[in-house]
Amino acid sequence: MTPDIPALHHTFENLDRKLLLALDANPTASFQQLAGELGVSAGTVSRRYAALKKSGVLKITGRTLPGFGGHNVWLCRATAKPNLLHLLAQHMAKQPTSRWVRLSFDRSELMCGLVTTPEHTEPLDVLQNNQHLESLQVFELFEVWSRTPQPTLTEADFHLDALDHKILDLLHGDGRMEVQAISKKLGVDASTVSRRRKRLIESNILYFEADISPDAFNSTADVMLWMHVNPGHITKLGAWLSQLPHCRFVAATSGQYSLVAHLLLPTFGQLLDFIDKDLAPRGLARCEIEHMGTTFKRTAGLS
């Protein structure tokens, strides 16, 4: 993986943004279905989708929630001198179990999502043993809300064998990969792949997301919102936020904050209006706003 994600070279048309919003709502919708929604031909949808995918703007990925299978999921915030943080961000992006890595807009803070197991804590160790950091905060994610139904099973309840994991890995790379392509790749009968995929989805173990570059939303207010929420409102607010198109991520955390969310809004004025009018009445006591900057890794890691 390259240390920095290159700047996107894609000229967005109105149709592109409409297609991105449609895929955000339904990542596995057929081109024919999308064409009906957008009022264009399926061929046009296919070409625009291919261009968005090739340019790195869009990736449809098959996911399980981060903690599925006994993993521990962390969100880390580190401060240091900007040149050191840039080098550290490059290093963290290369870690196979880092999910995403970004710097703040003013380059004063590194933020990243990490996945560990009790036996393998390497990505956390990299940060915790770094003597040059001025500060480090580590938060465990207790619950991550998604727009799809929450998985009700654990891996202990639903045994995943080697074939299940191979299918999950392929769908993590391309959530729209067709059954025939998976079958050919794995050397397994297509009907077997189809049954396994269907079972994973119906058991709420596998769901699909549209990973869309923040640049596509033309958003000035690209922020992480660290929230203190009054008891009695935390789960309701997390679930509510997860259904909003401008909320790209929301989770409950350990430590001093109740919830953390990644928000994309056109202006900071709209962000402040959203906090005052929408969040405050739903139990928000106070919050910290961090303006996000350079992306070094985006929505990667374990499926």
C-alpha atoms as a PDB file:
ATOM      1  CA  MET A   1       0.000   0.000   0.000  1.00  0.00           C
ATOM      2  CA  THR A   2       1.284   3.478  -0.751  1.00  0.00           C
ATOM      3  CA  PRO A   3       1.883   5.665   2.311  1.00  0.00           C
ATOM      4  CA  ASP A   4      -0.443   8.463   1.214  1.00  0.00           C
ATOM      5  CA  ILE A   5      -3.707   8.143  -0.646  1.00  0.00           C
ATOM      6  CA  PRO A   6      -3.187  10.180  -3.824  1.00  0.00           C
ATOM      7  CA  ALA A   7      -5.412  13.134  -4.581  1.00  0.00           C
ATOM      8  CA  LEU A   8      -8.457  12.118  -6.569  1.00  0.00           C
ATOM      9  CA  HIS A   9      -8.575  13.153 -10.216  1.00  0.00           C
ATOM     10  CA  HIS A  10     -12.245  12.812 -10.951  1.00  0.00           C
ATOM     11  CA  THR A  11     -14.541  15.479 -12.330  1.00  0.00           C
ATOM     12  CA  PHE A  12     -17.861  14.987 -10.586  1.00  0.00           C
ATOM     13  CA  GLU A  13     -21.042  15.337 -12.541  1.00  0.00           C
ATOM     14  CA  ASN A  14     -24.469  15.668 -10.973  1.00  0.00           C
ATOM     15  CA  LEU A  15     -25.228  12.086 -12.033  1.00  0.00           C
ATOM     16  CA  ASP A  16     -22.127  10.847 -10.188  1.00  0.00           C
ATOM     17  CA  ARG A  17     -23.306  12.291  -6.887  1.00  0.00           C
ATOM     18  CA  LYS A  18     -26.819  10.932  -7.419  1.00  0.00           C
ATOM     19  CA  LEU A  19     -25.333   7.501  -8.134  1.00  0.00           C
ATOM     20  CA  LEU A  20     -23.131   7.678  -5.023  1.00  0.00           C
ATOM     21  CA  LEU A  21     -26.138   8.557  -2.855  1.00  0.00           C
ATOM     22  CA  ALA A  22     -28.165   5.702  -4.377  1.00  0.00           C
ATOM     23  CA  LEU A  23     -25.342   3.219  -3.729  1.00  0.00           C
ATOM     24  CA  ASP A  24     -24.848   4.610  -0.241  1.00  0.00           C
ATOM     25  CA  ALA A  25     -28.483   3.712   0.465  1.00  0.00           C
ATOM     26  CA  ASN A  26     -28.350   0.336  -1.329  1.00  0.00           C
ATOM     27  CA  PRO A  27     -24.760  -0.803  -2.063  1.00  0.00           C
ATOM     28  CA  THR A  28     -25.723  -4.002  -3.916  1.00  0.00           C
ATOM     29  CA  ALA A  29     -28.572  -2.622  -6.039  1.00  0.00           C
ATOM     30  CA  SER A  30     -28.414  -3.852  -9.626  1.00  0.00           C
ATOM     31  CA  PHE A  31     -27.451  -1.475 -12.409  1.00  0.00           C
ATOM     32  CA  GLN A  32     -30.959  -1.925 -13.807  1.00  0.00           C
ATOM     33  CA  GLN A  33     -32.503  -0.910 -10.480  1.00  0.00           C
ATOM     34  CA  LEU A  34     -30.188   2.081 -10.165  1.00  0.00           C
ATOM     35  CA  ALA A  35     -30.977   3.104 -13.730  1.00  0.00           C
ATOM     36  CA  GLY A  36     -34.678   3.151 -12.888  1.00  0.00           C
ATOM     37  CA  GLU A  37     -34.063   5.342  -9.844  1.00  0.00           C
ATOM     38  CA  LEU A  38     -31.827   7.782 -11.710  1.00  0.00           C
ATOM     39  CA  GLY A  39     -33.731   7.896 -15.008  1.00  0.00           C
ATOM     40  CA  VAL A  40     -30.804   6.794 -17.185  1.00  0.00           C
ATOM     41  CA  SER A  41     -29.793   3.596 -18.945  1.00  0.00           C
ATOM     42  CA  ALA A  42     -28.180   0.651 -17.168  1.00  0.00           C
ATOM     43  CA  GLY A  43     -25.192   1.059 -19.491  1.00  0.00           C
ATOM     44  CA  THR A  44     -24.703   4.640 -18.310  1.00  0.00           C
ATOM     45  CA  VAL A  45     -24.864   3.522 -14.672  1.00  0.00           C
ATOM     46  CA  SER A  46     -22.339   0.768 -15.365  1.00  0.00           C
ATOM     47  CA  ARG A  47     -19.888   3.187 -17.009  1.00  0.00           C
ATOM     48  CA  ARG A  48     -20.201   5.815 -14.270  1.00  0.00           C
ATOM     49  CA  TYR A  49     -19.810   3.158 -11.568  1.00  0.00           C
ATOM     50  CA  ALA A  50     -16.662   1.792 -13.253  1.00  0.00           C
ATOM     51  CA  ALA A  51     -15.170   5.305 -13.486  1.00  0.00           C
ATOM     52  CA  LEU A  52     -15.912   6.080  -9.835  1.00  0.00           C
ATOM     53  CA  LYS A  53     -14.425   2.759  -8.759  1.00  0.00           C
ATOM     54  CA  LYS A  54     -11.303   3.134 -10.917  1.00  0.00           C
ATOM     55  CA  SER A  55     -10.604   6.651  -9.648  1.00  0.00           C
ATOM     56  CA  GLY A  56     -10.763   5.494  -6.013  1.00  0.00           C
ATOM     57  CA  VAL A  57     -13.853   7.545  -5.213  1.00  0.00           C
ATOM     58  CA  LEU A  58     -16.015   4.499  -4.536  1.00  0.00           C
ATOM     59  CA  LYS A  59     -15.592   0.991  -3.202  1.00  0.00           C
ATOM     60  CA  ILE A  60     -18.436  -1.338  -2.289  1.00  0.00           C
ATOM     61  CA  THR A  61     -17.248  -3.584   0.505  1.00  0.00           C
ATOM     62  CA  GLY A  62     -18.698  -6.554   2.360  1.00  0.00           C
ATOM     63  CA  ARG A  63     -18.269  -6.157   6.097  1.00  0.00           C
ATOM     64  CA  THR A  64     -18.863  -7.629   9.498  1.00  0.00           C
ATOM     65  CA  LEU A  65     -18.922  -5.261  12.452  1.00  0.00           C
ATOM     66  CA  PRO A  66     -15.348  -4.577  13.624  1.00  0.00           C
ATOM     67  CA  GLY A  67     -15.506  -6.615  16.840  1.00  0.00           C
ATOM     68  CA  PHE A  68     -16.966  -9.724  15.205  1.00  0.00           C
ATOM     69  CA  GLY A  69     -14.943 -12.885  15.841  1.00  0.00           C
ATOM     70  CA  GLY A  70     -13.445 -11.770  19.150  1.00  0.00           C
ATOM     71  CA  HIS A  71     -11.455  -8.783  17.871  1.00  0.00           C
ATOM     72  CA  ASN A  72     -10.937  -5.680  19.981  1.00  0.00           C
ATOM     73  CA  VAL A  73     -11.451  -2.406  18.152  1.00  0.00           C
ATOM     74  CA  TRP A  74      -9.743   0.836  19.139  1.00  0.00           C
ATOM     75  CA  LEU A  75      -9.808   4.451  18.148  1.00  0.00           C
ATOM     76  CA  CYS A  76      -6.579   6.316  18.894  1.00  0.00           C
ATOM     77  CA  ARG A  77      -5.679  10.002  19.060  1.00  0.00           C
ATOM     78  CA  ALA A  78      -2.027  11.048  19.188  1.00  0.00           C
ATOM     79  CA  THR A  79      -0.350  14.473  19.231  1.00  0.00           C
ATOM     80  CA  ALA A  80       3.242  15.336  18.357  1.00  0.00           C
ATOM     81  CA  LYS A  81       5.171  17.618  16.029  1.00  0.00           C
ATOM     82  CA  PRO A  82       3.563  17.673  12.534  1.00  0.00           C
ATOM     83  CA  ASN A  83       6.541  16.125  10.710  1.00  0.00           C
ATOM     84  CA  LEU A  84       6.644  13.242  13.184  1.00  0.00           C
ATOM     85  CA  LEU A  85       2.894  12.681  12.902  1.00  0.00           C
ATOM     86  CA  HIS A  86       3.150  12.552   9.120  1.00  0.00           C
ATOM     87  CA  LEU A  87       5.796   9.819   9.305  1.00  0.00           C
ATOM     88  CA  LEU A  88       3.857   7.961  11.974  1.00  0.00           C
ATOM     89  CA  ALA A  89       0.662   8.134   9.891  1.00  0.00           C
ATOM     90  CA  GLN A  90       2.530   6.603   6.953  1.00  0.00           C
ATOM     91  CA  HIS A  91       3.787   3.822   9.211  1.00  0.00           C
ATOM     92  CA  MET A  92       0.379   3.142  10.750  1.00  0.00           C
ATOM     93  CA  ALA A  93      -1.231   2.982   7.300  1.00  0.00           C
ATOM     94  CA  LYS A  94       1.063   0.053   6.474  1.00  0.00           C
ATOM     95  CA  GLN A  95      -0.070  -1.927   9.522  1.00  0.00           C
ATOM     96  CA  PRO A  96      -2.338  -4.747   8.255  1.00  0.00           C
ATOM     97  CA  THR A  97      -4.756  -4.336  11.162  1.00  0.00           C
ATOM     98  CA  SER A  98      -5.175  -0.570  10.962  1.00  0.00           C
ATOM     99  CA  ARG A  99      -8.603   0.198   9.503  1.00  0.00           C
ATOM    100  CA  TRP A 100      -8.182   3.886   8.725  1.00  0.00           C
ATOM    101  CA  VAL A 101      -5.564   6.586   9.369  1.00  0.00           C
ATOM    102  CA  ARG A 102      -5.953  10.374   9.113  1.00  0.00           C
ATOM    103  CA  LEU A 103      -4.386  13.607  10.313  1.00  0.00           C
ATOM    104  CA  SER A 104      -6.344  16.583  11.564  1.00  0.00           C
ATOM    105  CA  PHE A 105      -6.631  19.565   9.244  1.00  0.00           C
ATOM    106  CA  ASP A 106      -4.037  21.528  11.250  1.00  0.00           C
ATOM    107  CA  ARG A 107      -1.718  18.458  11.274  1.00  0.00           C
ATOM    108  CA  SER A 108      -1.527  18.543  15.074  1.00  0.00           C
ATOM    109  CA  GLU A 109      -3.289  15.217  15.686  1.00  0.00           C
ATOM    110  CA  LEU A 110      -3.181  11.673  14.305  1.00  0.00           C
ATOM    111  CA  MET A 111      -6.395   9.630  14.446  1.00  0.00           C
ATOM    112  CA  CYS A 112      -6.681   5.990  13.501  1.00  0.00           C
ATOM    113  CA  GLY A 113      -8.839   2.914  13.932  1.00  0.00           C
ATOM    114  CA  LEU A 114      -7.100  -0.311  14.949  1.00  0.00           C
ATOM    115  CA  VAL A 115      -8.112  -3.950  15.353  1.00  0.00           C
ATOM    116  CA  THR A 116      -6.326  -6.301  17.742  1.00  0.00           C
ATOM    117  CA  THR A 117      -6.760  -9.697  19.355  1.00  0.00           C
ATOM    118  CA  PRO A 118      -5.589 -10.596  22.874  1.00  0.00           C
ATOM    119  CA  GLU A 119      -2.672 -12.442  21.273  1.00  0.00           C
ATOM    120  CA  HIS A 120      -1.710  -9.758  18.737  1.00  0.00           C
ATOM    121  CA  THR A 121      -1.557  -6.141  19.920  1.00  0.00           C
ATOM    122  CA  GLU A 122       1.157  -4.895  17.544  1.00  0.00           C
ATOM    123  CA  PRO A 123      -0.618  -1.819  16.135  1.00  0.00           C
ATOM    124  CA  LEU A 124      -1.372  -0.534  19.627  1.00  0.00           C
ATOM    125  CA  ASP A 125       2.166  -1.294  20.755  1.00  0.00           C
ATOM    126  CA  VAL A 126       3.552   0.890  17.946  1.00  0.00           C
ATOM    127  CA  LEU A 127       1.766   3.896  19.416  1.00  0.00           C
ATOM    128  CA  GLN A 128       2.092   3.105  23.115  1.00  0.00           C
ATOM    129  CA  ASN A 129       5.860   2.533  22.855  1.00  0.00           C
ATOM    130  CA  ASN A 130       6.520   5.702  20.831  1.00  0.00           C
ATOM    131  CA  GLN A 131       8.539   8.002  23.081  1.00  0.00           C
ATOM    132  CA  HIS A 132       8.145  11.029  20.799  1.00  0.00           C
ATOM    133  CA  LEU A 133       4.404  11.460  21.210  1.00  0.00           C
ATOM    134  CA  GLU A 134       3.241  14.396  23.285  1.00  0.00           C
ATOM    135  CA  SER A 135      -0.045  12.668  24.150  1.00  0.00           C
ATOM    136  CA  LEU A 136      -1.927   9.484  23.325  1.00  0.00           C
ATOM    137  CA  GLN A 137      -5.565   8.634  23.974  1.00  0.00           C
ATOM    138  CA  VAL A 138      -6.859   5.119  23.298  1.00  0.00           C
ATOM    139  CA  PHE A 139     -10.572   4.340  23.265  1.00  0.00           C
ATOM    140  CA  GLU A 140     -12.153   0.914  22.901  1.00  0.00           C
ATOM    141  CA  LEU A 141     -15.228   0.837  20.680  1.00  0.00           C
ATOM    142  CA  PHE A 142     -18.076  -0.854  22.537  1.00  0.00           C
ATOM    143  CA  GLU A 143     -20.659  -0.659  19.765  1.00  0.00           C
ATOM    144  CA  VAL A 144     -20.511   0.480  16.156  1.00  0.00           C
ATOM    145  CA  TRP A 145     -23.836   1.289  14.539  1.00  0.00           C
ATOM    146  CA  SER A 146     -24.441   0.611  10.869  1.00  0.00           C
ATOM    147  CA  ARG A 147     -27.351   1.384   8.564  1.00  0.00           C
ATOM    148  CA  THR A 148     -28.116  -2.288   8.220  1.00  0.00           C
ATOM    149  CA  PRO A 149     -29.563  -4.545  10.965  1.00  0.00           C
ATOM    150  CA  GLN A 150     -27.065  -5.248  13.722  1.00  0.00           C
ATOM    151  CA  PRO A 151     -25.625  -8.776  13.751  1.00  0.00           C
ATOM    152  CA  THR A 152     -27.376 -10.863  16.380  1.00  0.00           C
ATOM    153  CA  LEU A 153     -24.934 -13.762  16.278  1.00  0.00           C
ATOM    154  CA  THR A 154     -21.315 -14.178  17.255  1.00  0.00           C
ATOM    155  CA  GLU A 155     -18.817 -16.481  15.609  1.00  0.00           C
ATOM    156  CA  ALA A 156     -19.367 -18.887  18.514  1.00  0.00           C
ATOM    157  CA  ASP A 157     -23.079 -19.083  17.647  1.00  0.00           C
ATOM    158  CA  PHE A 158     -22.465 -19.423  13.924  1.00  0.00           C
ATOM    159  CA  HIS A 159     -19.412 -21.473  12.993  1.00  0.00           C
ATOM    160  CA  LEU A 160     -17.504 -19.978  10.085  1.00  0.00           C
ATOM    161  CA  ASP A 161     -15.299 -22.413   8.226  1.00  0.00           C
ATOM    162  CA  ALA A 162     -12.411 -21.691   5.849  1.00  0.00           C
ATOM    163  CA  LEU A 163     -14.731 -21.263   2.856  1.00  0.00           C
ATOM    164  CA  ASP A 164     -16.873 -18.720   4.714  1.00  0.00           C
ATOM    165  CA  HIS A 165     -13.785 -16.691   5.550  1.00  0.00           C
ATOM    166  CA  LYS A 166     -12.558 -16.825   1.937  1.00  0.00           C
ATOM    167  CA  ILE A 167     -15.929 -15.569   0.708  1.00  0.00           C
ATOM    168  CA  LEU A 168     -15.894 -12.774   3.296  1.00  0.00           C
ATOM    169  CA  ASP A 169     -12.366 -11.792   2.244  1.00  0.00           C
ATOM    170  CA  LEU A 170     -13.336 -11.568  -1.440  1.00  0.00           C
ATOM    171  CA  LEU A 171     -16.489  -9.596  -0.684  1.00  0.00           C
ATOM    172  CA  HIS A 172     -14.489  -7.267   1.529  1.00  0.00           C
ATOM    173  CA  GLY A 173     -12.368  -6.477  -1.510  1.00  0.00           C
ATOM    174  CA  ASP A 174     -15.389  -6.074  -3.801  1.00  0.00           C
ATOM    175  CA  GLY A 175     -18.846  -6.282  -2.262  1.00  0.00           C
ATOM    176  CA  ARG A 176     -20.453  -6.426  -5.716  1.00  0.00           C
ATOM    177  CA  MET A 177     -18.389  -9.418  -6.885  1.00  0.00           C
ATOM    178  CA  GLU A 178     -20.759 -11.819  -8.612  1.00  0.00           C
ATOM    179  CA  VAL A 179     -21.274 -15.369  -7.412  1.00  0.00           C
ATOM    180  CA  GLN A 180     -19.802 -16.794 -10.624  1.00  0.00           C
ATOM    181  CA  ALA A 181     -16.615 -14.740 -10.154  1.00  0.00           C
ATOM    182  CA  ILE A 182     -16.262 -15.904  -6.538  1.00  0.00           C
ATOM    183  CA  SER A 183     -16.892 -19.484  -7.643  1.00  0.00           C
ATOM    184  CA  LYS A 184     -14.155 -19.288 -10.274  1.00  0.00           C
ATOM    185  CA  LYS A 185     -11.718 -17.611  -7.888  1.00  0.00           C
ATOM    186  CA  LEU A 186     -12.191 -20.214  -5.150  1.00  0.00           C
ATOM    187  CA  GLY A 187     -12.712 -23.261  -7.343  1.00  0.00           C
ATOM    188  CA  VAL A 188     -16.063 -23.971  -5.674  1.00  0.00           C
ATOM    189  CA  ASP A 189     -19.440 -24.686  -7.245  1.00  0.00           C
ATOM    190  CA  ALA A 190     -21.464 -21.496  -7.780  1.00  0.00           C
ATOM    191  CA  SER A 191     -24.510 -22.910  -5.995  1.00  0.00           C
ATOM    192  CA  THR A 192     -22.377 -23.515  -2.883  1.00  0.00           C
ATOM    193  CA  VAL A 193     -21.085 -19.940  -2.971  1.00  0.00           C
ATOM    194  CA  SER A 194     -24.608 -18.630  -3.431  1.00  0.00           C
ATOM    195  CA  ARG A 195     -25.905 -20.599  -0.431  1.00  0.00           C
ATOM    196  CA  ARG A 196     -23.005 -19.526   1.792  1.00  0.00           C
ATOM    197  CA  ARG A 197     -23.350 -15.863   0.820  1.00  0.00           C
ATOM    198  CA  LYS A 198     -27.109 -15.965   1.415  1.00  0.00           C
ATOM    199  CA  ARG A 199     -26.641 -17.609   4.823  1.00  0.00           C
ATOM    200  CA  LEU A 200     -24.068 -15.013   5.908  1.00  0.00           C
ATOM    201  CA  ILE A 201     -26.401 -12.174   4.940  1.00  0.00           C
ATOM    202  CA  GLU A 202     -29.555 -13.676   6.447  1.00  0.00           C
ATOM    203  CA  SER A 203     -27.707 -14.361   9.710  1.00  0.00           C
ATOM    204  CA  ASN A 204     -26.775 -10.651   9.868  1.00  0.00           C
ATOM    205  CA  ILE A 205     -23.079 -11.538   9.847  1.00  0.00           C
ATOM    206  CA  LEU A 206     -22.371  -9.996   6.444  1.00  0.00           C
ATOM    207  CA  TYR A 207     -23.558  -6.575   5.357  1.00  0.00           C
ATOM    208  CA  PHE A 208     -22.476  -4.157   2.637  1.00  0.00           C
ATOM    209  CA  GLU A 209     -21.283  -0.574   2.696  1.00  0.00           C
ATOM    210  CA  ALA A 210     -20.392   2.045   0.121  1.00  0.00           C
ATOM    211  CA  ASP A 211     -16.955   3.391   1.023  1.00  0.00           C
ATOM    212  CA  ILE A 212     -17.050   6.841  -0.583  1.00  0.00           C
ATOM    213  CA  SER A 213     -14.208   9.337  -0.544  1.00  0.00           C
ATOM    214  CA  PRO A 214     -15.040  12.429   1.535  1.00  0.00           C
ATOM    215  CA  ASP A 215     -13.987  14.502  -1.504  1.00  0.00           C
ATOM    216  CA  ALA A 216     -17.081  13.298  -3.336  1.00  0.00           C
ATOM    217  CA  PHE A 217     -19.434  15.054  -0.959  1.00  0.00           C
ATOM    218  CA  ASN A 218     -18.028  18.545  -1.538  1.00  0.00           C
ATOM    219  CA  SER A 219     -18.046  19.007   2.242  1.00  0.00           C
ATOM    220  CA  THR A 220     -16.193  21.775   4.031  1.00  0.00           C
ATOM    221  CA  ALA A 221     -17.180  20.396   7.436  1.00  0.00           C
ATOM    222  CA  ASP A 222     -15.371  17.036   7.417  1.00  0.00           C
ATOM    223  CA  VAL A 223     -15.163  16.444  11.163  1.00  0.00           C
ATOM    224  CA  MET A 224     -14.883  13.939  13.961  1.00  0.00           C
ATOM    225  CA  LEU A 225     -17.365  14.833  16.674  1.00  0.00           C
ATOM    226  CA  TRP A 226     -16.429  13.622  20.169  1.00  0.00           C
ATOM    227  CA  MET A 227     -19.583  13.698  22.279  1.00  0.00           C
ATOM    228  CA  HIS A 228     -20.547  13.638  25.941  1.00  0.00           C
ATOM    229  CA  VAL A 229     -24.125  12.323  25.972  1.00  0.00           C
ATOM    230  CA  ASN A 230     -26.475  12.237  28.932  1.00  0.00           C
ATOM    231  CA  PRO A 231     -27.290   8.724  30.226  1.00  0.00           C
ATOM    232  CA  GLY A 232     -30.505   7.394  28.779  1.00  0.00           C
ATOM    233  CA  HIS A 233     -29.775   8.860  25.338  1.00  0.00           C
ATOM    234  CA  ILE A 234     -26.553   7.141  24.214  1.00  0.00           C
ATOM    235  CA  THR A 235     -27.877   4.143  22.267  1.00  0.00           C
ATOM    236  CA  LYS A 236     -30.828   6.064  20.839  1.00  0.00           C
ATOM    237  CA  LEU A 237     -28.586   8.852  19.588  1.00  0.00           C
ATOM    238  CA  GLY A 238     -26.025   6.422  18.145  1.00  0.00           C
ATOM    239  CA  ALA A 239     -28.709   4.512  16.252  1.00  0.00           C
ATOM    240  CA  TRP A 240     -30.329   7.745  15.023  1.00  0.00           C
ATOM    241  CA  LEU A 241     -27.037   9.188  13.778  1.00  0.00           C
ATOM    242  CA  SER A 242     -26.201   5.991  11.900  1.00  0.00           C
ATOM    243  CA  GLN A 243     -29.209   6.469   9.625  1.00  0.00           C
ATOM    244  CA  LEU A 244     -28.241   9.978   8.483  1.00  0.00           C
ATOM    245  CA  PRO A 245     -26.509  10.283   5.081  1.00  0.00           C
ATOM    246  CA  HIS A 246     -24.042  12.875   6.405  1.00  0.00           C
ATOM    247  CA  CYS A 247     -22.957  10.588   9.271  1.00  0.00           C
ATOM    248  CA  ARG A 248     -20.317   8.218   7.900  1.00  0.00           C
ATOM    249  CA  PHE A 249     -19.477   6.466  11.181  1.00  0.00           C
ATOM    250  CA  VAL A 250     -20.725   6.430  14.791  1.00  0.00           C
ATOM    251  CA  ALA A 251     -19.642   4.357  17.789  1.00  0.00           C
ATOM    252  CA  ALA A 252     -19.873   4.199  21.577  1.00  0.00           C
ATOM    253  CA  THR A 253     -16.475   4.384  23.250  1.00  0.00           C
ATOM    254  CA  SER A 254     -14.695   3.760  26.506  1.00  0.00           C
ATOM    255  CA  GLY A 255     -13.119   6.682  28.309  1.00  0.00           C
ATOM    256  CA  GLN A 256     -14.318  10.247  28.698  1.00  0.00           C
ATOM    257  CA  TYR A 257     -16.611  10.371  25.647  1.00  0.00           C
ATOM    258  CA  SER A 258     -19.905   8.575  25.147  1.00  0.00           C
ATOM    259  CA  LEU A 259     -20.044   8.645  21.334  1.00  0.00           C
ATOM    260  CA  VAL A 260     -17.758   9.530  18.451  1.00  0.00           C
ATOM    261  CA  ALA A 261     -19.033  10.245  14.942  1.00  0.00           C
ATOM    262  CA  HIS A 262     -17.556  11.171  11.558  1.00  0.00           C
ATOM    263  CA  LEU A 263     -19.738  13.816   9.914  1.00  0.00           C
ATOM    264  CA  LEU A 264     -19.656  15.410   6.468  1.00  0.00           C
ATOM    265  CA  LEU A 265     -21.655  18.610   5.989  1.00  0.00           C
ATOM    266  CA  PRO A 266     -21.377  21.308   3.313  1.00  0.00           C
ATOM    267  CA  THR A 267     -20.432  24.130   5.718  1.00  0.00           C
ATOM    268  CA  PHE A 268     -19.412  24.641   9.334  1.00  0.00           C
ATOM    269  CA  GLY A 269     -22.476  26.799   9.759  1.00  0.00           C
ATOM    270  CA  GLN A 270     -24.661  23.805   8.937  1.00  0.00           C
ATOM    271  CA  LEU A 271     -22.593  21.670  11.312  1.00  0.00           C
ATOM    272  CA  LEU A 272     -23.158  24.069  14.192  1.00  0.00           C
ATOM    273  CA  ASP A 273     -26.837  24.289  13.332  1.00  0.00           C
ATOM    274  CA  PHE A 274     -27.000  20.485  13.341  1.00  0.00           C
ATOM    275  CA  ILE A 275     -25.360  20.326  16.781  1.00  0.00           C
ATOM    276  CA  ASP A 276     -27.626  22.990  18.284  1.00  0.00           C
ATOM    277  CA  LYS A 277     -30.935  21.971  16.729  1.00  0.00           C
ATOM    278  CA  ASP A 278     -30.636  18.221  16.223  1.00  0.00           C
ATOM    279  CA  LEU A 279     -28.119  16.832  18.703  1.00  0.00           C
ATOM    280  CA  ALA A 280     -28.681  18.989  21.794  1.00  0.00           C
ATOM    281  CA  PRO A 281     -32.366  18.007  22.151  1.00  0.00           C
ATOM    282  CA  ARG A 282     -31.363  14.335  21.860  1.00  0.00           C
ATOM    283  CA  GLY A 283     -29.159  14.327  24.945  1.00  0.00           C
ATOM    284  CA  LEU A 284     -25.891  15.901  23.796  1.00  0.00           C
ATOM    285  CA  ALA A 285     -24.310  17.608  26.824  1.00  0.00           C
ATOM    286  CA  ARG A 286     -21.113  18.893  25.206  1.00  0.00           C
ATOM    287  CA  CYS A 287     -18.804  17.974  22.348  1.00  0.00           C
ATOM    288  CA  GLU A 288     -15.388  18.467  20.794  1.00  0.00           C
ATOM    289  CA  ILE A 289     -15.053  19.122  17.063  1.00  0.00           C
ATOM    290  CA  GLU A 290     -11.937  17.979  15.202  1.00  0.00           C
ATOM    291  CA  HIS A 291     -11.566  19.185  11.593  1.00  0.00           C
ATOM    292  CA  MET A 292     -10.208  16.260   9.549  1.00  0.00           C
ATOM    293  CA  GLY A 293      -7.366  16.564   7.043  1.00  0.00           C
ATOM    294  CA  THR A 294      -5.085  14.221   5.082  1.00  0.00           C
ATOM    295  CA  THR A 295      -6.203  10.606   4.627  1.00  0.00           C
ATOM    296  CA  PHE A 296      -3.485   7.937   4.690  1.00  0.00           C
ATOM    297  CA  LYS A 297      -5.747   4.884   4.784  1.00  0.00           C
ATOM    298  CA  ARG A 298      -9.472   4.534   4.277  1.00  0.00           C
ATOM    299  CA  THR A 299     -11.864   1.809   5.420  1.00  0.00           C
ATOM    300  CA  ALA A 300      -9.433  -1.072   5.297  1.00  0.00           C
ATOM    301  CA  GLY A 301      -8.538  -3.900   7.623  1.00  0.00           C
ATOM    302  CA  LEU A 302     -10.237  -7.085   8.643  1.00  0.00           C
ATOM    303  CA  SER A 303     -13.613  -7.969   7.224  1.00  0.00           C
END
